Amino acid sequence: MGIYDTIRERALAEGFSAMGVMRPDALPELPDRLAAFVDAGRHGDMGWMAERMNWRGNPAALWPEAKSVIMLAEVYTPDHDPMEVVGQPDRGAISVYAQNRDYHDVVKKRLKRLGRWLIEEAARQGEAAEIKVFVDTAPVMEKPLAQAAGLGWQGKHTNLLSRELGNWFFLGAIFTTLDLPADERGRENCGSCTACLEACPTNAFPAPFQLDARRCISYLTIEHKGPVDEALRPLLGNRIYGCDDCLAVCPWNKFAAEAREVKYAARDDLSAPSLAELATLDDAGFRARFSGSPIKRIGRDRFLRNVCYAMGNSEDPGYLPRLRNLAREPDPVLAEAASWAIARIESSKAV
């Protein structure tokens, strides 16, 4: 068995769902694609995307010594209908990936275990290997790299799709000095389907295979730090952290593999949390509730900003007392969100 097959066998044994290999210089078109996206302002206020664009758009520049990039997929397919909560205005809709442990921690630990094994296995076969592992926190464009490694293709919703895995999976990368055989690039198989584009509540796709983050609910509820455009707030519905609409409707999910990692199974208190309960969280309560969760990263004030929008969209007057308290919060963005929600509810009562 060659070293590629040995690595793949070990990766699957570690819990990854699929593996592919690409060359760091296999995407000469990537810098222009990234520059066009940023120049159009579609990255919103994600300044980190514009920073170090040379590295982000050119994997070979990130670590010049690397000869191969091992891309790995880890499935988190939900065991419940993620869209069911969207129809419950008294509940908050949290993206499936954030309903339990932070995948950055889970995937990175698995990558490091595989990486340590790879160094030892290479030495056993008489080769010296160095590695660097990345999980969504370094200037690495995982989705185009994964397509180049044959793990699937970037669909019309710009997320990665796979015939075998659907589109519910995380990506990780191991850059290595080992010279490994590269896989054939993944080919697009969306056909004439436009389900994901039509499902987007905010029309965040200017065209197939293009995303304007400034209209994407995942961006607005997670990355965007200021007040959300008032025209978009009603379209958020009760989505308080991320959005799964375009992923959930993809027909390729009928082939989706089941998640193997129990740490991705939805926590009971995060699959459909009560908006009324979330609105009472102080900073200590927020940190305790979301310890180990990716939600903790955005902080209590931004999270409650989203909760306020959801309460306003419910048009439920029962939320008014709590909203009036939140309207007196020192954070101006949170206070304004609560005031907006009050006005929306009171306006609906007057109709």
Protein backbone atom coordinates (compact mmCIF):
# COMPACT_ATOMS: atom_id res chain seq x y z
CA MET A 1 0.00 0.00 0.00
CA GLY A 2 1.37 3.41 -1.04
CA ILE A 3 1.66 6.30 1.41
CA TYR A 4 -1.40 8.06 -0.10
CA ASP A 5 -3.61 5.04 0.58
CA THR A 6 -2.07 4.63 4.02
CA ILE A 7 -2.86 8.26 4.87
CA ARG A 8 -6.42 7.95 3.59
CA GLU A 9 -7.00 4.78 5.61
CA ARG A 10 -5.71 6.47 8.74
CA ALA A 11 -7.76 9.62 8.10
CA LEU A 12 -10.97 7.61 7.89
CA ALA A 13 -9.99 5.68 11.01
CA GLU A 14 -9.49 8.99 12.83
CA GLY A 15 -13.09 9.94 12.03
CA PHE A 16 -12.81 12.02 8.86
CA SER A 17 -15.38 11.31 6.17
CA ALA A 18 -13.28 11.92 3.07
CA MET A 19 -9.78 12.92 1.99
CA GLY A 20 -8.20 14.39 -1.11
CA VAL A 21 -4.86 15.91 -2.09
CA MET A 22 -4.04 18.98 -4.19
CA ARG A 23 -0.93 20.88 -5.17
CA PRO A 24 -0.46 24.30 -3.55
CA ASP A 25 -0.09 25.87 -7.01
CA ALA A 26 -3.15 24.18 -8.53
CA LEU A 27 -5.40 27.28 -8.38
CA PRO A 28 -3.81 30.04 -10.46
CA GLU A 29 -7.24 31.68 -10.90
CA LEU A 30 -7.82 32.08 -7.16
CA PRO A 31 -6.12 35.49 -6.63
CA ASP A 32 -8.26 37.12 -9.31
CA ARG A 33 -11.45 35.55 -7.92
CA LEU A 34 -10.68 36.79 -4.44
CA ALA A 35 -9.70 40.26 -5.64
CA ALA A 36 -12.93 40.61 -7.62
CA PHE A 37 -14.96 39.61 -4.56
CA VAL A 38 -13.21 42.11 -2.29
CA ASP A 39 -13.12 44.91 -4.88
CA ALA A 40 -16.91 44.59 -5.22
CA GLY A 41 -17.23 45.05 -1.45
CA ARG A 42 -19.03 41.73 -1.10
CA HIS A 43 -16.93 40.82 1.92
CA GLY A 44 -18.71 43.48 3.98
CA ASP A 45 -16.73 44.49 7.05
CA MET A 46 -14.75 41.25 7.20
CA GLY A 47 -11.48 43.12 7.01
CA TRP A 48 -9.50 39.95 7.66
CA MET A 49 -10.55 38.71 4.23
CA ALA A 50 -8.87 41.64 2.52
CA GLU A 51 -5.79 41.43 4.72
CA ARG A 52 -2.98 39.14 3.65
CA MET A 53 -4.74 38.52 0.34
CA ASN A 54 -1.52 37.18 -1.12
CA TRP A 55 -1.64 34.26 1.29
CA ARG A 56 -5.39 33.78 1.11
CA GLY A 57 -5.44 33.73 -2.66
CA ASN A 58 -2.27 31.68 -3.11
CA PRO A 59 -1.80 28.54 -0.99
CA ALA A 60 1.76 28.21 -2.31
CA ALA A 61 2.66 31.57 -0.74
CA LEU A 62 1.28 30.63 2.68
CA TRP A 63 4.05 28.07 3.20
CA PRO A 64 6.41 27.88 0.22
CA GLU A 65 8.01 24.65 1.46
CA ALA A 66 4.73 22.74 1.21
CA LYS A 67 4.47 20.36 -1.74
CA SER A 68 1.02 18.94 -1.02
CA VAL A 69 -2.19 19.98 0.70
CA ILE A 70 -4.28 17.21 2.25
CA MET A 71 -7.92 18.32 2.43
CA LEU A 72 -10.23 16.52 4.83
CA ALA A 73 -13.99 16.55 5.27
CA GLU A 74 -15.85 15.84 8.50
CA VAL A 75 -19.61 15.36 8.33
CA TYR A 76 -22.01 17.07 10.76
CA THR A 77 -25.30 16.13 9.08
CA PRO A 78 -28.20 16.94 11.47
CA ASP A 79 -30.47 14.15 12.69
CA HIS A 80 -33.43 16.56 12.72
CA ASP A 81 -35.10 18.94 10.27
CA PRO A 82 -33.16 22.20 10.71
CA MET A 83 -35.95 24.21 9.10
CA GLU A 84 -38.64 23.19 11.60
CA VAL A 85 -37.59 25.84 14.13
CA VAL A 86 -37.81 28.61 11.50
CA GLY A 87 -41.59 28.29 11.72
CA GLN A 88 -41.63 28.82 15.49
CA PRO A 89 -41.54 32.60 16.17
CA ASP A 90 -41.09 32.16 19.92
CA ARG A 91 -37.90 30.16 19.36
CA GLY A 92 -34.47 31.11 18.04
CA ALA A 93 -33.04 29.40 14.97
CA ILE A 94 -29.35 28.56 15.41
CA SER A 95 -27.30 27.14 12.55
CA VAL A 96 -26.84 23.38 12.84
CA TYR A 97 -23.05 23.59 13.05
CA ALA A 98 -23.29 25.75 16.20
CA GLN A 99 -25.76 23.62 18.17
CA ASN A 100 -23.04 21.89 20.17
CA ARG A 101 -19.23 21.98 20.44
CA ASP A 102 -17.09 24.38 18.46
CA TYR A 103 -16.00 22.48 15.36
CA HIS A 104 -12.72 24.43 15.23
CA ASP A 105 -11.58 22.64 18.37
CA VAL A 106 -12.92 19.22 17.43
CA VAL A 107 -11.55 19.17 13.88
CA LYS A 108 -8.20 20.69 14.82
CA LYS A 109 -7.54 18.04 17.46
CA ARG A 110 -8.29 15.35 14.90
CA LEU A 111 -6.05 17.06 12.33
CA LYS A 112 -3.19 17.27 14.82
CA ARG A 113 -3.51 13.57 15.67
CA LEU A 114 -3.43 12.69 12.00
CA GLY A 115 -0.53 15.07 11.42
CA ARG A 116 1.56 13.58 14.21
CA TRP A 117 0.89 10.11 12.83
CA LEU A 118 1.84 11.31 9.33
CA ILE A 119 5.23 12.54 10.51
CA GLU A 120 5.88 9.20 12.24
CA GLU A 121 4.66 7.16 9.27
CA ALA A 122 6.79 9.13 6.83
CA ALA A 123 9.83 8.58 9.04
CA ARG A 124 9.05 4.87 9.15
CA GLN A 125 9.09 4.87 5.36
CA GLY A 126 12.39 6.76 5.28
CA GLU A 127 11.05 10.25 4.54
CA ALA A 128 11.16 13.45 6.55
CA ALA A 129 7.84 15.29 6.73
CA GLU A 130 6.81 18.66 8.12
CA ILE A 131 3.20 19.75 8.49
CA LYS A 132 0.95 22.71 9.28
CA VAL A 133 -2.73 22.25 10.07
CA PHE A 134 -5.53 24.75 9.43
CA VAL A 135 -9.22 24.88 10.33
CA ASP A 136 -10.98 28.02 9.15
CA THR A 137 -8.87 30.41 11.24
CA ALA A 138 -5.91 31.05 8.89
CA PRO A 139 -5.77 32.70 5.44
CA VAL A 140 -6.76 29.47 3.68
CA MET A 141 -9.69 29.30 1.24
CA GLU A 142 -10.79 25.81 2.19
CA LYS A 143 -13.66 25.41 -0.28
CA PRO A 144 -11.76 25.97 -3.56
CA LEU A 145 -8.86 23.94 -2.16
CA ALA A 146 -11.22 21.10 -1.34
CA GLN A 147 -12.67 21.20 -4.84
CA ALA A 148 -9.16 21.10 -6.29
CA ALA A 149 -8.49 18.06 -4.08
CA GLY A 150 -11.54 16.25 -5.50
CA LEU A 151 -13.71 16.35 -2.37
CA GLY A 152 -16.61 17.87 -4.31
CA TRP A 153 -17.51 21.15 -5.96
CA GLN A 154 -18.59 24.61 -4.92
CA GLY A 155 -22.32 24.71 -5.57
CA LYS A 156 -24.45 27.62 -6.65
CA HIS A 157 -24.67 28.60 -2.97
CA THR A 158 -20.82 28.70 -2.94
CA ASN A 159 -20.63 25.98 -0.28
CA LEU A 160 -18.93 22.68 -1.03
CA LEU A 161 -21.09 19.80 -2.26
CA SER A 162 -20.31 16.12 -2.55
CA ARG A 163 -22.13 13.24 -4.21
CA GLU A 164 -21.35 11.06 -1.21
CA LEU A 165 -21.60 13.56 1.66
CA GLY A 166 -24.22 16.12 0.64
CA ASN A 167 -23.22 19.58 1.93
CA TRP A 168 -23.21 19.21 5.71
CA PHE A 169 -19.49 18.89 6.40
CA PHE A 170 -16.55 20.83 7.79
CA LEU A 171 -13.19 21.17 6.07
CA GLY A 172 -9.67 20.98 7.42
CA ALA A 173 -6.28 21.18 5.75
CA ILE A 174 -2.87 19.67 6.37
CA PHE A 175 -0.08 21.37 4.45
CA THR A 176 2.94 19.07 4.17
CA THR A 177 6.39 18.92 2.66
CA LEU A 178 5.61 15.40 1.45
CA ASP A 179 5.21 15.07 -2.30
CA LEU A 180 1.91 13.18 -2.58
CA PRO A 181 -0.07 12.26 -5.69
CA ALA A 182 -2.79 14.82 -6.37
CA ASP A 183 -6.43 13.94 -6.91
CA GLU A 184 -8.54 14.95 -9.89
CA ARG A 185 -10.38 18.24 -9.42
CA GLY A 186 -14.05 17.95 -8.42
CA ARG A 187 -16.56 18.68 -11.18
CA GLU A 188 -19.67 20.81 -10.78
CA ASN A 189 -22.90 18.79 -10.66
CA CYS A 190 -25.59 21.32 -9.82
CA GLY A 191 -27.16 21.12 -13.26
CA SER A 192 -30.23 23.33 -13.70
CA CYS A 193 -31.18 23.23 -9.99
CA THR A 194 -31.63 26.62 -8.33
CA ALA A 195 -33.21 25.47 -5.04
CA CYS A 196 -30.52 27.08 -2.88
CA LEU A 197 -30.76 30.41 -4.67
CA GLU A 198 -34.53 30.52 -4.33
CA ALA A 199 -34.43 29.52 -0.66
CA CYS A 200 -32.29 32.47 0.47
CA PRO A 201 -34.51 34.80 2.55
CA THR A 202 -32.40 37.88 1.74
CA ASN A 203 -31.47 37.24 -1.91
CA ALA A 204 -27.79 37.08 -1.03
CA PHE A 205 -26.82 35.43 -4.34
CA PRO A 206 -26.38 38.01 -7.12
CA ALA A 207 -25.93 35.10 -9.54
CA PRO A 208 -25.30 31.35 -9.33
CA PHE A 209 -21.94 30.61 -7.69
CA GLN A 210 -21.72 34.17 -6.33
CA LEU A 211 -22.40 35.40 -2.79
CA ASP A 212 -22.77 38.93 -1.46
CA ALA A 213 -21.97 38.54 2.23
CA ARG A 214 -23.59 41.88 2.98
CA ARG A 215 -26.99 40.25 2.46
CA CYS A 216 -26.16 36.81 3.90
CA ILE A 217 -27.87 36.03 7.22
CA SER A 218 -24.87 34.05 8.44
CA TYR A 219 -22.67 37.09 7.91
CA LEU A 220 -25.21 39.53 9.33
CA THR A 221 -25.82 37.57 12.54
CA ILE A 222 -22.22 36.45 13.17
CA GLU A 223 -19.58 38.61 11.50
CA HIS A 224 -21.36 41.95 11.19
CA LYS A 225 -20.71 44.03 14.31
CA GLY A 226 -22.96 47.02 13.80
CA PRO A 227 -26.71 47.41 13.34
CA VAL A 228 -28.22 45.34 10.54
CA ASP A 229 -29.77 47.29 7.66
CA GLU A 230 -33.38 47.98 8.65
CA ALA A 231 -34.64 46.68 5.30
CA LEU A 232 -33.05 43.30 6.02
CA ARG A 233 -34.13 42.89 9.65
CA PRO A 234 -37.63 41.53 8.91
CA LEU A 235 -36.07 38.98 6.55
CA LEU A 236 -33.99 37.51 9.38
CA GLY A 237 -37.14 36.05 10.91
CA ASN A 238 -36.10 34.19 14.03
CA ARG A 239 -32.60 33.31 12.81
CA ILE A 240 -30.33 34.44 15.65
CA TYR A 241 -27.03 32.75 14.72
CA GLY A 242 -26.31 31.73 11.17
CA CYS A 243 -28.66 30.35 8.53
CA ASP A 244 -29.07 26.90 7.00
CA ASP A 245 -31.73 27.58 4.36
CA CYS A 246 -29.53 27.15 1.28
CA LEU A 247 -27.88 24.03 2.72
CA ALA A 248 -31.10 22.40 3.87
CA VAL A 249 -32.85 22.48 0.49
CA CYS A 250 -30.00 20.98 -1.54
CA PRO A 251 -31.18 17.77 -3.28
CA TRP A 252 -27.74 16.21 -2.87
CA ASN A 253 -28.46 15.87 0.85
CA LYS A 254 -30.51 12.75 0.09
CA PHE A 255 -27.09 11.09 -0.12
CA ALA A 256 -25.71 12.83 2.97
CA ALA A 257 -23.69 10.66 5.31
CA GLU A 258 -24.60 10.54 8.99
CA ALA A 259 -22.47 12.47 11.46
CA ARG A 260 -20.18 10.18 13.45
CA GLU A 261 -19.02 12.70 16.06
CA VAL A 262 -21.39 12.91 19.04
CA LYS A 263 -20.06 16.39 19.83
CA TYR A 264 -21.96 17.67 16.79
CA ALA A 265 -25.34 16.32 17.96
CA ALA A 266 -27.68 19.19 18.81
CA ARG A 267 -27.89 20.13 22.48
CA ASP A 268 -31.47 20.19 23.74
CA ASP A 269 -31.11 23.82 24.79
CA LEU A 270 -29.72 24.94 21.42
CA SER A 271 -31.88 23.18 18.85
CA ALA A 272 -34.84 25.52 19.45
CA PRO A 273 -34.08 27.83 22.40
CA SER A 274 -36.73 30.12 23.85
CA LEU A 275 -36.28 33.75 22.83
CA ALA A 276 -37.76 34.88 26.15
CA GLU A 277 -35.15 32.90 28.06
CA LEU A 278 -32.23 34.04 25.89
CA ALA A 279 -33.25 37.66 26.33
CA THR A 280 -32.62 37.41 30.09
CA LEU A 281 -28.96 36.38 29.78
CA ASP A 282 -26.43 38.64 31.42
CA ASP A 283 -22.77 38.39 30.45
CA ALA A 284 -21.96 35.64 32.95
CA GLY A 285 -25.05 33.69 31.97
CA PHE A 286 -24.19 34.01 28.28
CA ARG A 287 -20.64 32.77 28.81
CA ALA A 288 -21.86 29.84 30.89
CA ARG A 289 -24.60 28.91 28.42
CA PHE A 290 -22.27 28.97 25.42
CA SER A 291 -19.06 27.66 26.94
CA GLY A 292 -17.37 25.51 24.29
CA SER A 293 -19.75 26.79 21.61
CA PRO A 294 -18.79 28.89 18.57
CA ILE A 295 -21.59 31.27 19.59
CA LYS A 296 -19.48 32.49 22.50
CA ARG A 297 -17.15 34.19 20.01
CA ILE A 298 -19.60 36.94 19.06
CA GLY A 299 -20.27 37.98 22.64
CA ARG A 300 -23.46 38.58 24.58
CA ASP A 301 -24.36 42.01 23.16
CA ARG A 302 -24.20 41.01 19.50
CA PHE A 303 -26.07 37.80 20.22
CA LEU A 304 -28.83 39.66 22.05
CA ARG A 305 -28.96 42.16 19.18
CA ASN A 306 -30.02 39.20 17.02
CA VAL A 307 -32.48 38.02 19.66
CA CYS A 308 -34.07 41.48 19.67
CA TYR A 309 -34.57 41.37 15.92
CA ALA A 310 -36.21 37.95 16.27
CA MET A 311 -38.50 39.16 19.06
CA GLY A 312 -39.49 42.16 16.97
CA ASN A 313 -40.23 39.93 13.99
CA SER A 314 -42.47 37.75 16.17
CA GLU A 315 -44.69 40.80 16.80
CA ASP A 316 -45.47 39.31 20.23
CA PRO A 317 -46.33 42.05 22.78
CA GLY A 318 -45.32 39.69 25.58
CA TYR A 319 -41.70 40.58 24.81
CA LEU A 320 -42.16 44.31 25.40
CA PRO A 321 -41.11 44.42 29.09
CA ARG A 322 -37.83 42.67 28.43
CA LEU A 323 -37.22 44.69 25.27
CA ARG A 324 -37.70 47.91 27.22
CA ASN A 325 -35.00 46.75 29.63
CA LEU A 326 -32.67 45.92 26.74
CA ALA A 327 -33.34 49.32 25.19
CA ARG A 328 -31.52 50.78 28.22
CA GLU A 329 -28.39 48.65 27.71
CA PRO A 330 -25.10 50.59 27.46
CA ASP A 331 -24.20 48.96 24.14
CA PRO A 332 -25.71 51.33 21.53
CA VAL A 333 -26.23 48.65 18.87
CA LEU A 334 -28.09 46.36 21.28
CA ALA A 335 -30.16 49.24 22.67
CA GLU A 336 -31.12 50.35 19.15
CA ALA A 337 -32.09 46.79 18.17
CA ALA A 338 -34.38 46.57 21.20
CA SER A 339 -35.95 49.95 20.37
CA TRP A 340 -36.55 48.81 16.80
CA ALA A 341 -38.20 45.62 18.05
CA ILE A 342 -40.46 47.62 20.40
CA ALA A 343 -41.52 49.89 17.53
CA ARG A 344 -42.20 46.91 15.27
CA ILE A 345 -44.36 45.16 17.87
CA GLU A 346 -46.26 48.31 18.79
CA SER A 347 -46.84 49.11 15.13
CA SER A 348 -48.25 45.63 14.53
CA LYS A 349 -50.58 46.04 17.51
CA ALA A 350 -51.94 49.30 16.09
CA VAL A 351 -52.86 47.74 12.73
